[in-house]
Amino acid sequence: MTLQQLKYIIMVAKKGSLTEAAKELYISQPSLTKSIKELEKEVGILIFDRTNKGISVSKEGEIFLGYARQVLDQISLIEEKYKEPSKGRQEFSVSTQHYSFAVNAFIDLIKEYGKDNYDFSIRETQTYEIMEDVTRMKSEIGILYYNNFNKAVLQKMIKANDLKFTELFTAKPHIFVSRGNPLSKRKSVTMEELASFPYLSFEQGEHNSFYYSEEIFSTVIRSKNIRVRDRATLFNLLIGLNGYTVCSGVIDEELNGKNIVAVPLEAEGDMHIGYVTHQQLHISQLGAFYIKALENYTKHIR
């Protein structure tokens, strides 16, 4: 196994085509194909599935690619420090539920490490995909929550995929509403008082199980339901429709504006919010900085 072979398979996965990858790598397609087959034979798995429609990464290949990316990232850091300090390319990826403190920490990371040459990603995505991203090492860190309802399901997935959950803080239930909502100035609200308002939540795609919901009390039956994919849309609907969503209560006016407020919800249940990492992955310098930034933004909530 060589670093060159690892670079080859990553390029093929990125392009989704042997022909396009060969062009990008400035080698012939037969040479690329031969090198990949030799690597697959050496490691004893099929990294790519071949069909009449083309080439795609296999399930085992996704895991192998995660390790390959980590190896090349470490090589890049060594080259940056000792070989070509001015040309090092910083790379980092995090997957998260829709939390403002995760974005704030990401901004701090870019301010600290983002120079002329970097490739950073933050994915506000679905709960199941967060776990998948960290499992396959597409993201170094994933941010989500558990409570008494979904704890057993998430812990089973965490254990099965060799992940680790580290808690940042525990939050009491709140709702987000617009300042124009008649409930916005209340010291607290009950579930019964919310019955006439539209309820907004983040949809979870094909894994739309109650256990993967981003909102606590996901099993409560509501007469008015609206599901969205992104935070901006949810906040616009909160304002435009006088709706509400159930949340941790953590909000940032600079990111989310002054038109959204958090109101405590009178209901039993805690949200344990934290981050997942891969047990087999050594946290990078950027990952360690990001975690420290997360801790700084959430330490007052503990």
Protein backbone atom coordinates (compact mmCIF):
# COMPACT_ATOMS: atom_id res chain seq x y z
CA MET A 1 0.00 0.00 0.00
CA THR A 2 1.34 3.42 -0.98
CA LEU A 3 0.33 7.01 -0.40
CA GLN A 4 -0.08 7.31 -4.15
CA GLN A 5 -2.66 4.52 -4.16
CA LEU A 6 -4.57 6.25 -1.36
CA LYS A 7 -4.58 9.47 -3.38
CA TYR A 8 -5.83 7.52 -6.39
CA ILE A 9 -8.85 5.99 -4.64
CA ILE A 10 -9.81 9.30 -3.03
CA MET A 11 -9.77 11.00 -6.43
CA VAL A 12 -11.86 8.22 -7.99
CA ALA A 13 -14.39 8.51 -5.17
CA LYS A 14 -14.51 12.28 -5.63
CA LYS A 15 -14.99 12.14 -9.40
CA GLY A 16 -17.18 9.04 -9.50
CA SER A 17 -15.42 8.07 -12.70
CA LEU A 18 -12.16 6.31 -13.53
CA THR A 19 -11.84 8.33 -16.73
CA GLU A 20 -12.26 11.69 -14.99
CA ALA A 21 -10.00 10.68 -12.12
CA ALA A 22 -7.27 9.56 -14.53
CA LYS A 23 -7.41 12.94 -16.29
CA GLU A 24 -7.15 14.77 -12.98
CA LEU A 25 -4.21 12.59 -11.88
CA TYR A 26 -2.44 12.82 -15.27
CA ILE A 27 -2.15 9.04 -15.66
CA SER A 28 -3.71 6.55 -18.07
CA GLN A 29 -6.96 4.88 -17.10
CA PRO A 30 -5.49 1.34 -17.41
CA SER A 31 -2.69 2.31 -15.01
CA LEU A 32 -5.19 3.74 -12.55
CA THR A 33 -7.41 0.66 -12.78
CA LYS A 34 -4.44 -1.65 -12.24
CA SER A 35 -3.24 0.29 -9.20
CA ILE A 36 -6.68 0.20 -7.58
CA LYS A 37 -7.12 -3.54 -8.22
CA GLU A 38 -3.69 -4.19 -6.67
CA LEU A 39 -4.70 -2.21 -3.58
CA GLU A 40 -8.03 -4.03 -3.30
CA LYS A 41 -6.23 -7.37 -3.53
CA GLU A 42 -3.76 -6.32 -0.86
CA VAL A 43 -6.38 -5.16 1.66
CA GLY A 44 -8.84 -7.94 0.82
CA ILE A 45 -11.92 -5.83 0.07
CA LEU A 46 -13.63 -4.28 -2.94
CA ILE A 47 -13.25 -0.55 -2.46
CA PHE A 48 -15.42 0.18 -5.49
CA ASP A 49 -18.48 -1.53 -6.94
CA ARG A 50 -18.37 -1.80 -10.74
CA THR A 51 -21.57 -1.96 -12.79
CA ASN A 52 -22.63 -1.18 -16.33
CA LYS A 53 -23.63 2.25 -15.09
CA GLY A 54 -20.15 3.04 -13.76
CA ILE A 55 -18.21 2.90 -10.51
CA SER A 56 -19.28 3.68 -6.96
CA VAL A 57 -17.80 3.34 -3.50
CA SER A 58 -18.76 0.13 -1.71
CA LYS A 59 -19.88 0.05 1.92
CA GLU A 60 -16.51 -1.39 3.00
CA GLY A 61 -14.83 1.13 0.71
CA GLU A 62 -16.48 4.05 2.55
CA ILE A 63 -14.86 2.92 5.78
CA PHE A 64 -11.50 2.36 4.09
CA LEU A 65 -11.68 5.81 2.47
CA GLY A 66 -12.27 7.34 5.89
CA TYR A 67 -8.99 5.89 7.12
CA ALA A 68 -7.23 6.86 3.89
CA ARG A 69 -8.33 10.48 4.26
CA GLN A 70 -6.99 10.58 7.80
CA VAL A 71 -3.60 9.23 6.69
CA LEU A 72 -3.32 11.84 3.95
CA ASP A 73 -4.47 14.60 6.32
CA GLN A 74 -1.68 13.69 8.72
CA ILE A 75 0.85 13.68 5.87
CA SER A 76 -0.42 17.11 4.84
CA LEU A 77 0.11 18.44 8.37
CA ILE A 78 3.67 17.09 8.43
CA GLU A 79 4.41 18.67 5.04
CA GLU A 80 2.91 21.95 6.16
CA LYS A 81 5.06 22.09 9.27
CA TYR A 82 8.36 20.82 7.91
CA LYS A 83 8.36 20.88 4.12
CA GLU A 84 6.25 23.66 2.62
CA PRO A 85 4.81 25.88 5.36
CA SER A 86 3.46 28.40 2.90
CA LYS A 87 1.54 25.84 0.80
CA GLY A 88 -0.13 23.67 3.45
CA ARG A 89 -3.85 23.12 2.85
CA GLN A 90 -5.93 23.00 6.03
CA GLU A 91 -8.91 20.63 5.96
CA PHE A 92 -11.64 20.06 8.54
CA SER A 93 -15.25 18.91 8.57
CA VAL A 94 -17.98 18.85 11.23
CA SER A 95 -21.57 17.56 11.04
CA THR A 96 -24.14 18.98 13.43
CA GLN A 97 -27.74 19.42 14.38
CA HIS A 98 -28.94 23.01 14.08
CA TYR A 99 -27.09 24.75 16.91
CA SER A 100 -25.83 28.34 16.81
CA PHE A 101 -22.91 27.57 19.13
CA ALA A 102 -21.64 24.99 16.60
CA VAL A 103 -21.54 27.72 13.94
CA ASN A 104 -19.86 30.19 16.31
CA ALA A 105 -17.13 27.66 17.09
CA PHE A 106 -16.68 27.03 13.35
CA ILE A 107 -16.22 30.77 12.77
CA ASP A 108 -13.55 30.86 15.48
CA LEU A 109 -11.79 27.93 13.80
CA ILE A 110 -11.66 29.70 10.45
CA LYS A 111 -10.39 32.92 12.06
CA GLU A 112 -7.60 30.96 13.73
CA TYR A 113 -6.59 28.55 10.94
CA GLY A 114 -8.18 29.81 7.74
CA LYS A 115 -5.43 31.44 5.74
CA ASP A 116 -4.94 31.46 1.98
CA ASN A 117 -5.41 27.74 1.42
CA TYR A 118 -8.10 25.79 3.28
CA ASP A 119 -11.11 23.53 2.77
CA PHE A 120 -13.50 23.53 5.75
CA SER A 121 -17.03 22.08 5.90
CA ILE A 122 -19.90 22.43 8.36
CA ARG A 123 -22.94 20.28 7.63
CA GLU A 124 -26.17 21.12 9.45
CA THR A 125 -27.82 17.81 8.70
CA GLN A 126 -30.00 14.97 9.94
CA THR A 127 -29.23 13.00 13.10
CA TYR A 128 -28.59 9.67 11.37
CA GLU A 129 -26.31 11.30 8.80
CA ILE A 130 -24.28 12.95 11.57
CA MET A 131 -23.52 9.51 13.00
CA GLU A 132 -22.78 8.14 9.52
CA ASP A 133 -20.43 11.02 8.69
CA VAL A 134 -18.33 10.42 11.81
CA THR A 135 -18.43 6.65 11.39
CA ARG A 136 -17.11 6.94 7.83
CA MET A 137 -14.73 9.73 8.88
CA LYS A 138 -16.23 12.23 6.47
CA SER A 139 -16.50 14.49 9.50
CA GLU A 140 -14.10 14.50 12.42
CA ILE A 141 -16.78 15.65 14.88
CA GLY A 142 -20.57 15.31 15.06
CA ILE A 143 -22.82 17.37 17.35
CA LEU A 144 -26.19 16.08 18.59
CA TYR A 145 -28.21 15.38 21.73
CA TYR A 146 -29.76 12.45 23.57
CA ASN A 147 -32.48 12.23 26.18
CA ASN A 148 -34.16 9.41 28.09
CA PHE A 149 -36.34 8.61 25.07
CA ASN A 150 -33.68 8.15 22.37
CA LYS A 151 -30.68 7.32 24.58
CA ALA A 152 -30.80 3.53 24.14
CA VAL A 153 -31.10 3.74 20.34
CA LEU A 154 -28.29 6.30 19.93
CA GLN A 155 -25.98 4.55 22.39
CA LYS A 156 -26.44 1.28 20.50
CA MET A 157 -25.45 3.00 17.26
CA ILE A 158 -22.53 4.75 18.94
CA LYS A 159 -21.21 1.47 20.35
CA ALA A 160 -21.74 -0.48 17.11
CA ASN A 161 -19.76 2.06 15.09
CA ASP A 162 -16.90 2.49 17.57
CA LEU A 163 -17.84 6.08 18.39
CA LYS A 164 -17.67 8.07 21.62
CA PHE A 165 -20.12 10.68 22.96
CA THR A 166 -18.79 13.53 25.10
CA GLU A 167 -21.36 15.76 26.80
CA LEU A 168 -21.01 19.54 26.59
CA PHE A 169 -24.02 20.58 28.67
CA THR A 170 -27.54 19.64 29.78
CA ALA A 171 -30.42 21.85 28.63
CA LYS A 172 -33.97 22.18 29.87
CA PRO A 173 -36.82 22.20 27.29
CA HIS A 174 -37.62 25.55 25.65
CA ILE A 175 -39.50 26.78 22.63
CA PHE A 176 -38.38 29.24 19.97
CA VAL A 177 -41.03 31.76 18.90
CA SER A 178 -41.01 35.14 17.19
CA ARG A 179 -41.14 38.30 19.29
CA GLY A 180 -44.56 38.94 17.77
CA ASN A 181 -45.96 35.68 19.11
CA PRO A 182 -48.39 36.23 22.04
CA LEU A 183 -46.37 33.69 24.08
CA SER A 184 -43.03 35.45 23.61
CA LYS A 185 -43.22 37.51 26.81
CA ARG A 186 -44.31 34.62 29.02
CA LYS A 187 -41.97 33.35 31.74
CA SER A 188 -42.89 29.82 30.67
CA VAL A 189 -45.48 27.96 28.59
CA THR A 190 -47.22 24.59 28.75
CA MET A 191 -47.84 22.03 26.02
CA GLU A 192 -51.57 22.78 26.22
CA GLU A 193 -50.96 26.46 25.48
CA LEU A 194 -49.07 25.54 22.30
CA ALA A 195 -51.89 23.45 20.82
CA SER A 196 -53.28 26.17 18.52
CA PHE A 197 -49.89 27.20 17.06
CA PRO A 198 -48.12 25.58 14.07
CA TYR A 199 -45.32 23.24 15.16
CA LEU A 200 -42.07 23.31 13.17
CA SER A 201 -39.42 20.61 13.19
CA PHE A 202 -36.44 19.44 11.14
CA GLU A 203 -37.29 16.51 8.88
CA GLN A 204 -35.04 13.47 9.07
CA GLY A 205 -35.33 12.05 5.55
CA GLU A 206 -35.54 8.28 5.16
CA HIS A 207 -34.57 7.88 8.82
CA ASN A 208 -37.56 9.92 10.02
CA SER A 209 -37.92 7.92 13.24
CA PHE A 210 -38.99 9.55 16.50
CA TYR A 211 -35.65 8.38 17.91
CA TYR A 212 -33.68 10.49 15.43
CA SER A 213 -35.78 13.63 15.85
CA GLU A 214 -33.82 16.79 16.58
CA GLU A 215 -36.60 18.02 18.86
CA ILE A 216 -37.44 16.63 22.29
CA PHE A 217 -41.05 15.35 22.81
CA SER A 218 -41.19 14.17 19.19
CA THR A 219 -43.98 11.67 19.94
CA VAL A 220 -46.48 14.34 21.04
CA ILE A 221 -49.41 14.46 18.60
CA ARG A 222 -49.89 17.94 17.12
CA SER A 223 -52.65 19.09 14.78
CA LYS A 224 -50.45 21.56 12.83
CA ASN A 225 -47.08 20.20 11.67
CA ILE A 226 -44.52 21.74 9.33
CA ARG A 227 -41.19 20.03 8.57
CA VAL A 228 -38.20 21.89 7.12
CA ARG A 229 -34.57 21.16 6.22
CA ASP A 230 -32.69 24.33 7.19
CA ARG A 231 -32.57 26.77 10.08
CA ALA A 232 -33.21 29.94 8.06
CA THR A 233 -36.47 28.53 6.68
CA LEU A 234 -37.58 27.41 10.12
CA PHE A 235 -36.95 30.86 11.61
CA ASN A 236 -38.74 32.60 8.73
CA LEU A 237 -41.78 30.39 9.29
CA LEU A 238 -41.68 31.02 13.03
CA ILE A 239 -42.00 34.72 12.26
CA GLY A 240 -44.42 34.51 9.35
CA LEU A 241 -46.83 31.95 10.83
CA ASN A 242 -46.48 32.59 14.56
CA GLY A 243 -45.24 29.02 14.89
CA TYR A 244 -42.96 27.40 17.44
CA THR A 245 -40.32 24.71 17.71
CA VAL A 246 -39.07 22.79 20.74
CA CYS A 247 -35.39 23.35 21.45
CA SER A 248 -32.53 23.67 23.93
CA GLY A 249 -33.08 27.40 24.40
CA VAL A 250 -29.57 28.27 23.24
CA ILE A 251 -29.73 31.08 20.67
CA ASP A 252 -27.36 33.71 19.28
CA GLU A 253 -28.79 37.07 18.22
CA GLU A 254 -25.83 37.88 15.95
CA LEU A 255 -26.46 34.72 13.90
CA ASN A 256 -30.22 34.35 14.20
CA GLY A 257 -31.38 37.95 14.57
CA LYS A 258 -33.37 39.60 17.35
CA ASN A 259 -36.79 38.46 16.16
CA ILE A 260 -36.52 34.97 17.71
CA VAL A 261 -36.73 34.40 21.47
CA ALA A 262 -36.52 31.33 23.71
CA VAL A 263 -39.21 30.63 26.31
CA PRO A 264 -38.96 27.83 28.93
CA LEU A 265 -41.35 24.92 28.34
CA GLU A 266 -43.06 23.39 31.37
CA ALA A 267 -42.34 19.76 30.64
CA GLU A 268 -40.14 17.11 32.22
CA GLY A 269 -37.05 16.06 30.28
CA ASP A 270 -33.41 17.03 29.75
CA MET A 271 -31.38 17.35 26.56
CA HIS A 272 -27.82 16.09 26.91
CA ILE A 273 -26.01 17.94 24.14
CA GLY A 274 -22.51 16.96 23.12
CA TYR A 275 -20.27 15.68 20.36
CA VAL A 276 -19.36 12.28 18.91
CA THR A 277 -15.91 11.30 17.69
CA HIS A 278 -14.44 8.10 16.26
CA GLN A 279 -12.58 5.93 18.77
CA GLN A 280 -9.98 4.97 16.16
CA LEU A 281 -9.29 8.54 15.10
CA HIS A 282 -6.72 10.74 16.78
CA ILE A 283 -8.22 14.22 17.18
CA SER A 284 -6.39 16.65 14.91
CA GLN A 285 -5.07 20.04 15.95
CA LEU A 286 -8.03 21.68 14.22
CA GLY A 287 -10.46 19.26 15.85
CA ALA A 288 -9.01 19.99 19.30
CA PHE A 289 -9.35 23.74 18.69
CA TYR A 290 -12.95 23.32 17.55
CA ILE A 291 -13.86 21.28 20.63
CA LYS A 292 -12.28 23.94 22.86
CA ALA A 293 -14.32 26.61 21.07
CA LEU A 294 -17.49 24.54 21.61
CA GLU A 295 -16.66 24.33 25.32
CA ASN A 296 -16.09 28.08 25.52
CA TYR A 297 -19.49 28.84 23.96
CA THR A 298 -21.39 26.37 26.15
CA LYS A 299 -19.61 26.56 29.52
CA HIS A 300 -22.11 29.12 30.88
CA ILE A 301 -25.00 26.72 30.20
CA ARG A 302 -23.70 23.90 32.40
